[in-house]
Full PDB file with SEQRES, HELIX, SHEET, SSBOND, CRYST1, ORIGX, SCALE, CONECT and MASTER records, all heavy atoms in Angstrom:
SEQRES   1 A   39  LYS GLY GLU VAL TYR GLY PHE LEU GLY PRO ASN GLY ALA          
SEQRES   2 A   39  GLY LYS THR THR THR ILE ARG HIS ILE MET GLY PHE SER          
SEQRES   3 A   39  ARG PRO GLN ALA GLY ARG THR LEU VAL ASN GLY LEU SER          
HELIX    1 AA1 LYS A   15  ILE A   22  1                                   8    
CRYST1    1.000    1.000    1.000  90.00  90.00  90.00 P 1           1          
ORIGX1      1.000000  0.000000  0.000000        0.00000                         
ORIGX2      0.000000  1.000000  0.000000        0.00000                         
ORIGX3      0.000000  0.000000  1.000000        0.00000                         
SCALE1      1.000000  0.000000  0.000000        0.00000                         
SCALE2      0.000000  1.000000  0.000000        0.00000                         
SCALE3      0.000000  0.000000  1.000000        0.00000                         
ATOM      1  N   LYS A   1      -9.356 -11.639  -1.993  1.00  0.00           N  
ATOM      2  CA  LYS A   1     -10.234 -11.838  -0.859  1.00  0.00           C  
ATOM      3  C   LYS A   1      -9.846 -13.154  -0.142  1.00  0.00           C  
ATOM      4  O   LYS A   1      -9.716 -14.208  -0.786  1.00  0.00           O  
ATOM      5  CB  LYS A   1     -11.655 -11.945  -1.322  1.00  0.00           C  
ATOM      6  CG  LYS A   1     -12.733 -12.124  -0.231  1.00  0.00           C  
ATOM      7  CD  LYS A   1     -14.145 -12.093  -0.762  1.00  0.00           C  
ATOM      8  CE  LYS A   1     -15.140 -12.441   0.347  1.00  0.00           C  
ATOM      9  NZ  LYS A   1     -15.042 -11.512   1.480  1.00  0.00           N  
ATOM     10  N   GLY A   2      -9.732 -13.135   1.158  1.00  0.00           N  
ATOM     11  CA  GLY A   2      -9.472 -14.295   1.947  1.00  0.00           C  
ATOM     12  C   GLY A   2      -8.036 -14.804   2.009  1.00  0.00           C  
ATOM     13  O   GLY A   2      -7.773 -15.802   2.598  1.00  0.00           O  
ATOM     14  N   GLU A   3      -7.101 -14.007   1.480  1.00  0.00           N  
ATOM     15  CA  GLU A   3      -5.675 -14.419   1.509  1.00  0.00           C  
ATOM     16  C   GLU A   3      -4.863 -13.532   2.383  1.00  0.00           C  
ATOM     17  O   GLU A   3      -5.233 -12.399   2.692  1.00  0.00           O  
ATOM     18  CB  GLU A   3      -5.111 -14.539   0.099  1.00  0.00           C  
ATOM     19  CG  GLU A   3      -4.713 -13.275  -0.505  1.00  0.00           C  
ATOM     20  CD  GLU A   3      -4.142 -13.450  -1.940  1.00  0.00           C  
ATOM     21  OE1 GLU A   3      -4.116 -14.590  -2.450  1.00  0.00           O  
ATOM     22  OE2 GLU A   3      -3.677 -12.463  -2.528  1.00  0.00           O  
ATOM     23  N   VAL A   4      -3.752 -14.094   2.852  1.00  0.00           N  
ATOM     24  CA  VAL A   4      -2.762 -13.353   3.600  1.00  0.00           C  
ATOM     25  C   VAL A   4      -1.588 -13.075   2.647  1.00  0.00           C  
ATOM     26  O   VAL A   4      -0.988 -13.992   2.117  1.00  0.00           O  
ATOM     27  CB  VAL A   4      -2.283 -14.066   4.833  1.00  0.00           C  
ATOM     28  CG1 VAL A   4      -1.287 -13.222   5.665  1.00  0.00           C  
ATOM     29  CG2 VAL A   4      -3.427 -14.462   5.762  1.00  0.00           C  
ATOM     30  N   TYR A   5      -1.290 -11.804   2.465  1.00  0.00           N  
ATOM     31  CA  TYR A   5      -0.230 -11.381   1.501  1.00  0.00           C  
ATOM     32  C   TYR A   5       0.909 -10.837   2.248  1.00  0.00           C  
ATOM     33  O   TYR A   5       0.806  -9.872   3.004  1.00  0.00           O  
ATOM     34  CB  TYR A   5      -0.817 -10.366   0.512  1.00  0.00           C  
ATOM     35  CG  TYR A   5       0.040 -10.201  -0.761  1.00  0.00           C  
ATOM     36  CD1 TYR A   5      -0.506 -10.706  -1.950  1.00  0.00           C  
ATOM     37  CD2 TYR A   5       1.251  -9.603  -0.747  1.00  0.00           C  
ATOM     38  CE1 TYR A   5       0.236 -10.573  -3.157  1.00  0.00           C  
ATOM     39  CE2 TYR A   5       1.973  -9.430  -1.945  1.00  0.00           C  
ATOM     40  CZ  TYR A   5       1.499  -9.977  -3.095  1.00  0.00           C  
ATOM     41  OH  TYR A   5       2.228  -9.840  -4.220  1.00  0.00           O  
ATOM     42  N   GLY A   6       2.114 -11.431   2.116  1.00  0.00           N  
ATOM     43  CA  GLY A   6       3.304 -10.941   2.791  1.00  0.00           C  
ATOM     44  C   GLY A   6       4.020  -9.895   2.009  1.00  0.00           C  
ATOM     45  O   GLY A   6       4.302 -10.071   0.839  1.00  0.00           O  
ATOM     46  N   PHE A   7       4.418  -8.837   2.659  1.00  0.00           N  
ATOM     47  CA  PHE A   7       5.142  -7.761   2.055  1.00  0.00           C  
ATOM     48  C   PHE A   7       6.466  -7.671   2.791  1.00  0.00           C  
ATOM     49  O   PHE A   7       6.566  -7.166   3.940  1.00  0.00           O  
ATOM     50  CB  PHE A   7       4.334  -6.439   2.161  1.00  0.00           C  
ATOM     51  CG  PHE A   7       4.742  -5.401   1.225  1.00  0.00           C  
ATOM     52  CD1 PHE A   7       5.216  -5.620  -0.056  1.00  0.00           C  
ATOM     53  CD2 PHE A   7       4.615  -4.032   1.620  1.00  0.00           C  
ATOM     54  CE1 PHE A   7       5.563  -4.612  -0.910  1.00  0.00           C  
ATOM     55  CE2 PHE A   7       4.958  -2.993   0.757  1.00  0.00           C  
ATOM     56  CZ  PHE A   7       5.436  -3.284  -0.501  1.00  0.00           C  
ATOM     57  N   LEU A   8       7.536  -8.201   2.200  1.00  0.00           N  
ATOM     58  CA  LEU A   8       8.757  -8.524   2.935  1.00  0.00           C  
ATOM     59  C   LEU A   8       9.900  -7.584   2.481  1.00  0.00           C  
ATOM     60  O   LEU A   8      10.127  -7.407   1.273  1.00  0.00           O  
ATOM     61  CB  LEU A   8       9.158  -9.919   2.643  1.00  0.00           C  
ATOM     62  CG  LEU A   8      10.336 -10.578   3.384  1.00  0.00           C  
ATOM     63  CD1 LEU A   8      10.103 -10.530   4.895  1.00  0.00           C  
ATOM     64  CD2 LEU A   8      10.569 -11.985   2.935  1.00  0.00           C  
ATOM     65  N   GLY A   9      10.541  -7.068   3.463  1.00  0.00           N  
ATOM     66  CA  GLY A   9      11.723  -6.187   3.157  1.00  0.00           C  
ATOM     67  C   GLY A   9      12.254  -5.570   4.437  1.00  0.00           C  
ATOM     68  O   GLY A   9      11.546  -5.520   5.445  1.00  0.00           O  
ATOM     69  N   PRO A  10      13.533  -5.119   4.447  1.00  0.00           N  
ATOM     70  CA  PRO A  10      14.078  -4.478   5.666  1.00  0.00           C  
ATOM     71  C   PRO A  10      13.491  -3.104   5.863  1.00  0.00           C  
ATOM     72  O   PRO A  10      12.762  -2.550   5.017  1.00  0.00           O  
ATOM     73  CB  PRO A  10      15.562  -4.452   5.361  1.00  0.00           C  
ATOM     74  CG  PRO A  10      15.610  -4.367   3.834  1.00  0.00           C  
ATOM     75  CD  PRO A  10      14.429  -5.167   3.326  1.00  0.00           C  
ATOM     76  N   ASN A  11      13.819  -2.556   7.000  1.00  0.00           N  
ATOM     77  CA  ASN A  11      13.366  -1.156   7.251  1.00  0.00           C  
ATOM     78  C   ASN A  11      13.940  -0.220   6.223  1.00  0.00           C  
ATOM     79  O   ASN A  11      15.115  -0.321   5.867  1.00  0.00           O  
ATOM     80  CB  ASN A  11      13.858  -0.692   8.650  1.00  0.00           C  
ATOM     81  CG  ASN A  11      13.177  -1.495   9.810  1.00  0.00           C  
ATOM     82  OD1 ASN A  11      12.096  -1.930   9.660  1.00  0.00           O  
ATOM     83  ND2 ASN A  11      13.849  -1.642  10.881  1.00  0.00           N  
ATOM     84  N   GLY A  12      13.108   0.678   5.719  1.00  0.00           N  
ATOM     85  CA  GLY A  12      13.577   1.653   4.719  1.00  0.00           C  
ATOM     86  C   GLY A  12      13.411   1.193   3.291  1.00  0.00           C  
ATOM     87  O   GLY A  12      13.716   1.899   2.373  1.00  0.00           O  
ATOM     88  N   ALA A  13      12.896  -0.037   3.102  1.00  0.00           N  
ATOM     89  CA  ALA A  13      12.750  -0.544   1.754  1.00  0.00           C  
ATOM     90  C   ALA A  13      11.547  -0.003   0.942  1.00  0.00           C  
ATOM     91  O   ALA A  13      11.517  -0.060  -0.288  1.00  0.00           O  
ATOM     92  CB  ALA A  13      12.627  -2.098   1.732  1.00  0.00           C  
ATOM     93  N   GLY A  14      10.585   0.511   1.673  1.00  0.00           N  
ATOM     94  CA  GLY A  14       9.401   1.101   1.017  1.00  0.00           C  
ATOM     95  C   GLY A  14       8.083   0.498   1.482  1.00  0.00           C  
ATOM     96  O   GLY A  14       6.995   0.826   0.928  1.00  0.00           O  
ATOM     97  N   LYS A  15       8.122  -0.402   2.464  1.00  0.00           N  
ATOM     98  CA  LYS A  15       6.903  -1.100   2.924  1.00  0.00           C  
ATOM     99  C   LYS A  15       5.906  -0.146   3.508  1.00  0.00           C  
ATOM    100  O   LYS A  15       4.723  -0.070   3.111  1.00  0.00           O  
ATOM    101  CB  LYS A  15       7.219  -2.153   3.952  1.00  0.00           C  
ATOM    102  CG  LYS A  15       8.197  -3.255   3.501  1.00  0.00           C  
ATOM    103  CD  LYS A  15       8.312  -4.412   4.451  1.00  0.00           C  
ATOM    104  CE  LYS A  15       8.683  -3.988   5.853  1.00  0.00           C  
ATOM    105  NZ  LYS A  15      10.015  -3.344   5.932  1.00  0.00           N  
ATOM    106  N   THR A  16       6.404   0.691   4.474  1.00  0.00           N  
ATOM    107  CA  THR A  16       5.473   1.616   5.143  1.00  0.00           C  
ATOM    108  C   THR A  16       4.930   2.717   4.198  1.00  0.00           C  
ATOM    109  O   THR A  16       3.807   3.127   4.294  1.00  0.00           O  
ATOM    110  CB  THR A  16       6.164   2.293   6.329  1.00  0.00           C  
ATOM    111  OG1 THR A  16       6.525   1.263   7.284  1.00  0.00           O  
ATOM    112  CG2 THR A  16       5.334   3.311   7.002  1.00  0.00           C  
ATOM    113  N   THR A  17       5.786   3.219   3.248  1.00  0.00           N  
ATOM    114  CA  THR A  17       5.274   4.204   2.282  1.00  0.00           C  
ATOM    115  C   THR A  17       4.128   3.619   1.463  1.00  0.00           C  
ATOM    116  O   THR A  17       3.146   4.294   1.254  1.00  0.00           O  
ATOM    117  CB  THR A  17       6.446   4.602   1.364  1.00  0.00           C  
ATOM    118  OG1 THR A  17       7.526   5.203   2.114  1.00  0.00           O  
ATOM    119  CG2 THR A  17       5.993   5.568   0.296  1.00  0.00           C  
ATOM    120  N   THR A  18       4.317   2.375   1.003  1.00  0.00           N  
ATOM    121  CA  THR A  18       3.209   1.704   0.245  1.00  0.00           C  
ATOM    122  C   THR A  18       1.939   1.647   1.100  1.00  0.00           C  
ATOM    123  O   THR A  18       0.878   1.924   0.628  1.00  0.00           O  
ATOM    124  CB  THR A  18       3.658   0.294  -0.197  1.00  0.00           C  
ATOM    125  OG1 THR A  18       4.847   0.389  -0.969  1.00  0.00           O  
ATOM    126  CG2 THR A  18       2.571  -0.364  -1.023  1.00  0.00           C  
ATOM    127  N   ILE A  19       2.116   1.152   2.333  1.00  0.00           N  
ATOM    128  CA  ILE A  19       0.971   0.991   3.221  1.00  0.00           C  
ATOM    129  C   ILE A  19       0.273   2.373   3.481  1.00  0.00           C  
ATOM    130  O   ILE A  19      -0.979   2.455   3.520  1.00  0.00           O  
ATOM    131  CB  ILE A  19       1.359   0.369   4.551  1.00  0.00           C  
ATOM    132  CG1 ILE A  19       1.606  -1.139   4.279  1.00  0.00           C  
ATOM    133  CG2 ILE A  19       0.410   0.582   5.695  1.00  0.00           C  
ATOM    134  CD1 ILE A  19       2.145  -1.905   5.450  1.00  0.00           C  
ATOM    135  N   ARG A  20       1.026   3.403   3.654  1.00  0.00           N  
ATOM    136  CA  ARG A  20       0.433   4.750   3.857  1.00  0.00           C  
ATOM    137  C   ARG A  20      -0.467   5.175   2.696  1.00  0.00           C  
ATOM    138  O   ARG A  20      -1.477   5.856   2.900  1.00  0.00           O  
ATOM    139  CB  ARG A  20       1.479   5.783   4.184  1.00  0.00           C  
ATOM    140  CG  ARG A  20       2.120   5.646   5.556  1.00  0.00           C  
ATOM    141  CD  ARG A  20       3.161   6.727   5.788  1.00  0.00           C  
ATOM    142  NE  ARG A  20       2.577   8.052   5.745  1.00  0.00           N  
ATOM    143  CZ  ARG A  20       1.876   8.568   6.743  1.00  0.00           C  
ATOM    144  NH1 ARG A  20       1.669   7.930   7.902  1.00  0.00           N  
ATOM    145  NH2 ARG A  20       1.301   9.810   6.610  1.00  0.00           N  
ATOM    146  N   HIS A  21      -0.088   4.768   1.493  1.00  0.00           N  
ATOM    147  CA  HIS A  21      -0.901   5.031   0.288  1.00  0.00           C  
ATOM    148  C   HIS A  21      -2.197   4.152   0.332  1.00  0.00           C  
ATOM    149  O   HIS A  21      -3.228   4.670  -0.082  1.00  0.00           O  
ATOM    150  CB  HIS A  21      -0.117   4.884  -0.976  1.00  0.00           C  
ATOM    151  CG  HIS A  21       0.849   5.987  -1.185  1.00  0.00           C  
ATOM    152  ND1 HIS A  21       2.073   6.107  -0.638  1.00  0.00           N  
ATOM    153  CD2 HIS A  21       0.728   7.104  -1.982  1.00  0.00           C  
ATOM    154  CE1 HIS A  21       2.676   7.220  -1.062  1.00  0.00           C  
ATOM    155  NE2 HIS A  21       1.866   7.848  -1.909  1.00  0.00           N  
ATOM    156  N   ILE A  22      -2.027   2.877   0.711  1.00  0.00           N  
ATOM    157  CA  ILE A  22      -3.155   1.981   0.712  1.00  0.00           C  
ATOM    158  C   ILE A  22      -4.151   2.533   1.711  1.00  0.00           C  
ATOM    159  O   ILE A  22      -5.384   2.497   1.512  1.00  0.00           O  
ATOM    160  CB  ILE A  22      -2.764   0.554   1.156  1.00  0.00           C  
ATOM    161  CG1 ILE A  22      -1.955  -0.092  -0.003  1.00  0.00           C  
ATOM    162  CG2 ILE A  22      -3.963  -0.294   1.430  1.00  0.00           C  
ATOM    163  CD1 ILE A  22      -1.236  -1.380   0.359  1.00  0.00           C  
ATOM    164  N   MET A  23      -3.665   3.042   2.840  1.00  0.00           N  
ATOM    165  CA  MET A  23      -4.560   3.583   3.897  1.00  0.00           C  
ATOM    166  C   MET A  23      -5.184   4.920   3.551  1.00  0.00           C  
ATOM    167  O   MET A  23      -6.095   5.436   4.177  1.00  0.00           O  
ATOM    168  CB  MET A  23      -3.785   3.777   5.204  1.00  0.00           C  
ATOM    169  CG  MET A  23      -3.333   2.425   5.822  1.00  0.00           C  
ATOM    170  SD  MET A  23      -4.690   1.341   6.211  1.00  0.00           S  
ATOM    171  CE  MET A  23      -5.662   2.307   7.340  1.00  0.00           C  
ATOM    172  N   GLY A  24      -4.690   5.596   2.475  1.00  0.00           N  
ATOM    173  CA  GLY A  24      -5.184   6.874   2.095  1.00  0.00           C  
ATOM    174  C   GLY A  24      -4.551   8.016   2.792  1.00  0.00           C  
ATOM    175  O   GLY A  24      -5.061   9.180   2.725  1.00  0.00           O  
ATOM    176  N   PHE A  25      -3.381   7.795   3.462  1.00  0.00           N  
ATOM    177  CA  PHE A  25      -2.735   8.777   4.204  1.00  0.00           C  
ATOM    178  C   PHE A  25      -1.890   9.743   3.294  1.00  0.00           C  
ATOM    179  O   PHE A  25      -1.526  10.839   3.690  1.00  0.00           O  
ATOM    180  CB  PHE A  25      -1.840   8.249   5.308  1.00  0.00           C  
ATOM    181  CG  PHE A  25      -2.542   7.427   6.358  1.00  0.00           C  
ATOM    182  CD1 PHE A  25      -1.855   6.493   7.035  1.00  0.00           C  
ATOM    183  CD2 PHE A  25      -3.851   7.583   6.641  1.00  0.00           C  
ATOM    184  CE1 PHE A  25      -2.506   5.664   7.994  1.00  0.00           C  
ATOM    185  CE2 PHE A  25      -4.516   6.858   7.567  1.00  0.00           C  
ATOM    186  CZ  PHE A  25      -3.824   5.872   8.247  1.00  0.00           C  
ATOM    187  N   SER A  26      -1.571   9.267   2.162  1.00  0.00           N  
ATOM    188  CA  SER A  26      -0.687   9.958   1.282  1.00  0.00           C  
ATOM    189  C   SER A  26      -1.136   9.850  -0.178  1.00  0.00           C  
ATOM    190  O   SER A  26      -1.742   8.824  -0.591  1.00  0.00           O  
ATOM    191  CB  SER A  26       0.803   9.323   1.339  1.00  0.00           C  
ATOM    192  OG  SER A  26       1.647  10.107   0.580  1.00  0.00           O  
ATOM    193  N   ARG A  27      -0.942  10.905  -0.956  1.00  0.00           N  
ATOM    194  CA  ARG A  27      -1.375  10.883  -2.291  1.00  0.00           C  
ATOM    195  C   ARG A  27      -0.277  10.489  -3.261  1.00  0.00           C  
ATOM    196  O   ARG A  27       0.869  11.045  -3.187  1.00  0.00           O  
ATOM    197  CB  ARG A  27      -1.821  12.304  -2.713  1.00  0.00           C  
ATOM    198  CG  ARG A  27      -2.497  12.367  -4.100  1.00  0.00           C  
ATOM    199  CD  ARG A  27      -3.085  13.813  -4.286  1.00  0.00           C  
ATOM    200  NE  ARG A  27      -3.896  13.892  -5.454  1.00  0.00           N  
ATOM    201  CZ  ARG A  27      -4.676  14.940  -5.754  1.00  0.00           C  
ATOM    202  NH1 ARG A  27      -4.721  15.956  -4.954  1.00  0.00           N  
ATOM    203  NH2 ARG A  27      -5.441  14.892  -6.882  1.00  0.00           N  
ATOM    204  N   PRO A  28      -0.506   9.534  -4.166  1.00  0.00           N  
ATOM    205  CA  PRO A  28       0.563   9.089  -5.041  1.00  0.00           C  
ATOM    206  C   PRO A  28       0.897  10.112  -6.089  1.00  0.00           C  
ATOM    207  O   PRO A  28       0.041  10.864  -6.500  1.00  0.00           O  
ATOM    208  CB  PRO A  28       0.009   7.848  -5.683  1.00  0.00           C  
ATOM    209  CG  PRO A  28      -1.478   7.985  -5.552  1.00  0.00           C  
ATOM    210  CD  PRO A  28      -1.731   8.801  -4.359  1.00  0.00           C  
ATOM    211  N   GLN A  29       2.198  10.135  -6.516  1.00  0.00           N  
ATOM    212  CA  GLN A  29       2.562  10.968  -7.650  1.00  0.00           C  
ATOM    213  C   GLN A  29       2.168  10.346  -8.916  1.00  0.00           C  
ATOM    214  O   GLN A  29       1.833  11.014  -9.924  1.00  0.00           O  
ATOM    215  CB  GLN A  29       4.128  11.122  -7.630  1.00  0.00           C  
ATOM    216  CG  GLN A  29       4.596  12.054  -6.499  1.00  0.00           C  
ATOM    217  CD  GLN A  29       6.072  12.113  -6.427  1.00  0.00           C  
ATOM    218  OE1 GLN A  29       6.808  11.108  -6.806  1.00  0.00           O  
ATOM    219  NE2 GLN A  29       6.616  13.210  -6.007  1.00  0.00           N  
ATOM    220  N   ALA A  30       2.170   8.953  -8.979  1.00  0.00           N  
ATOM    221  CA  ALA A  30       1.655   8.220 -10.134  1.00  0.00           C  
ATOM    222  C   ALA A  30       1.081   6.873  -9.655  1.00  0.00           C  
ATOM    223  O   ALA A  30       1.454   6.431  -8.612  1.00  0.00           O  
ATOM    224  CB  ALA A  30       2.850   7.973 -11.108  1.00  0.00           C  
ATOM    225  N   GLY A  31       0.243   6.325 -10.504  1.00  0.00           N  
ATOM    226  CA  GLY A  31      -0.435   5.092 -10.061  1.00  0.00           C  
ATOM    227  C   GLY A  31      -1.511   5.312  -9.104  1.00  0.00           C  
ATOM    228  O   GLY A  31      -1.932   6.488  -8.791  1.00  0.00           O  
ATOM    229  N   ARG A  32      -2.059   4.270  -8.541  1.00  0.00           N  
ATOM    230  CA  ARG A  32      -3.103   4.355  -7.552  1.00  0.00           C  
ATOM    231  C   ARG A  32      -3.165   3.148  -6.629  1.00  0.00           C  
ATOM    232  O   ARG A  32      -2.628   2.091  -6.971  1.00  0.00           O  
ATOM    233  CB  ARG A  32      -4.443   4.570  -8.250  1.00  0.00           C  
ATOM    234  CG  ARG A  32      -4.854   3.373  -9.159  1.00  0.00           C  
ATOM    235  CD  ARG A  32      -6.187   3.581  -9.813  1.00  0.00           C  
ATOM    236  NE  ARG A  32      -6.606   2.419 -10.563  1.00  0.00           N  
ATOM    237  CZ  ARG A  32      -7.874   2.217 -11.010  1.00  0.00           C  
ATOM    238  NH1 ARG A  32      -8.792   3.141 -10.811  1.00  0.00           N  
ATOM    239  NH2 ARG A  32      -8.186   1.131 -11.657  1.00  0.00           N  
ATOM    240  N   THR A  33      -3.866   3.294  -5.490  1.00  0.00           N  
ATOM    241  CA  THR A  33      -4.203   2.167  -4.654  1.00  0.00           C  
ATOM    242  C   THR A  33      -5.684   2.127  -4.417  1.00  0.00           C  
ATOM    243  O   THR A  33      -6.349   3.200  -4.274  1.00  0.00           O  
ATOM    244  CB  THR A  33      -3.485   2.319  -3.252  1.00  0.00           C  
ATOM    245  OG1 THR A  33      -3.876   3.506  -2.649  1.00  0.00           O  
ATOM    246  CG2 THR A  33      -1.937   2.278  -3.466  1.00  0.00           C  
ATOM    247  N   LEU A  34      -6.280   0.985  -4.333  1.00  0.00           N  
ATOM    248  CA  LEU A  34      -7.671   0.799  -4.125  1.00  0.00           C  
ATOM    249  C   LEU A  34      -7.928  -0.279  -3.062  1.00  0.00           C  
ATOM    250  O   LEU A  34      -7.204  -1.201  -2.929  1.00  0.00           O  
ATOM    251  CB  LEU A  34      -8.411   0.359  -5.430  1.00  0.00           C  
ATOM    252  CG  LEU A  34      -8.300   1.248  -6.628  1.00  0.00           C  
ATOM    253  CD1 LEU A  34      -7.213   0.763  -7.522  1.00  0.00           C  
ATOM    254  CD2 LEU A  34      -9.610   1.312  -7.406  1.00  0.00           C  
ATOM    255  N   VAL A  35      -9.043  -0.065  -2.284  1.00  0.00           N  
ATOM    256  CA  VAL A  35      -9.498  -1.047  -1.308  1.00  0.00           C  
ATOM    257  C   VAL A  35     -10.991  -1.252  -1.601  1.00  0.00           C  
ATOM    258  O   VAL A  35     -11.776  -0.346  -1.619  1.00  0.00           O  
ATOM    259  CB  VAL A  35      -9.267  -0.535   0.177  1.00  0.00           C  
ATOM    260  CG1 VAL A  35      -9.888  -1.573   1.128  1.00  0.00           C  
ATOM    261  CG2 VAL A  35      -7.899  -0.256   0.465  1.00  0.00           C  
ATOM    262  N   ASN A  36     -11.292  -2.538  -1.894  1.00  0.00           N  
ATOM    263  CA  ASN A  36     -12.643  -2.888  -2.281  1.00  0.00           C  
ATOM    264  C   ASN A  36     -13.151  -2.044  -3.458  1.00  0.00           C  
ATOM    265  O   ASN A  36     -14.276  -1.637  -3.511  1.00  0.00           O  
ATOM    266  CB  ASN A  36     -13.618  -2.768  -1.136  1.00  0.00           C  
ATOM    267  CG  ASN A  36     -13.457  -3.891  -0.088  1.00  0.00           C  
ATOM    268  OD1 ASN A  36     -13.229  -5.043  -0.462  1.00  0.00           O  
ATOM    269  ND2 ASN A  36     -13.484  -3.542   1.166  1.00  0.00           N  
ATOM    270  N   GLY A  37     -12.215  -1.814  -4.437  1.00  0.00           N  
ATOM    271  CA  GLY A  37     -12.578  -1.065  -5.657  1.00  0.00           C  
ATOM    272  C   GLY A  37     -12.647   0.449  -5.472  1.00  0.00           C  
ATOM    273  O   GLY A  37     -12.855   1.123  -6.460  1.00  0.00           O  
ATOM    274  N   LEU A  38     -12.398   0.956  -4.324  1.00  0.00           N  
ATOM    275  CA  LEU A  38     -12.466   2.362  -4.026  1.00  0.00           C  
ATOM    276  C   LEU A  38     -11.064   2.954  -3.937  1.00  0.00           C  
ATOM    277  O   LEU A  38     -10.197   2.405  -3.275  1.00  0.00           O  
ATOM    278  CB  LEU A  38     -13.209   2.743  -2.801  1.00  0.00           C  
ATOM    279  CG  LEU A  38     -14.674   2.227  -2.750  1.00  0.00           C  
ATOM    280  CD1 LEU A  38     -15.295   2.482  -1.355  1.00  0.00           C  
ATOM    281  CD2 LEU A  38     -15.556   2.944  -3.790  1.00  0.00           C  
ATOM    282  N   SER A  39     -10.863   4.088  -4.517  1.00  0.00           N  
ATOM    283  CA  SER A  39      -9.573   4.817  -4.411  1.00  0.00           C  
ATOM    284  C   SER A  39      -9.251   5.172  -2.982  1.00  0.00           C  
ATOM    285  O   SER A  39     -10.088   5.801  -2.233  1.00  0.00           O  
ATOM    286  CB  SER A  39      -9.598   6.119  -5.272  1.00  0.00           C  
ATOM    287  OG  SER A  39      -8.501   6.926  -4.934  1.00  0.00           O  
TER     288      SER A  39                                                      
MASTER        0    0    0    1    0    0    0    6  287    1    0    3          
END                                                                             
């Protein structure tokens, strides 16, 4: 809470794929992402 977290890498490294899971646009094959404790 209250911090800025940098996710650094070139295009194609996996940044957008990770973000799409955080946003709930894509379902993970394994693991999970949560925002404010919610899947």
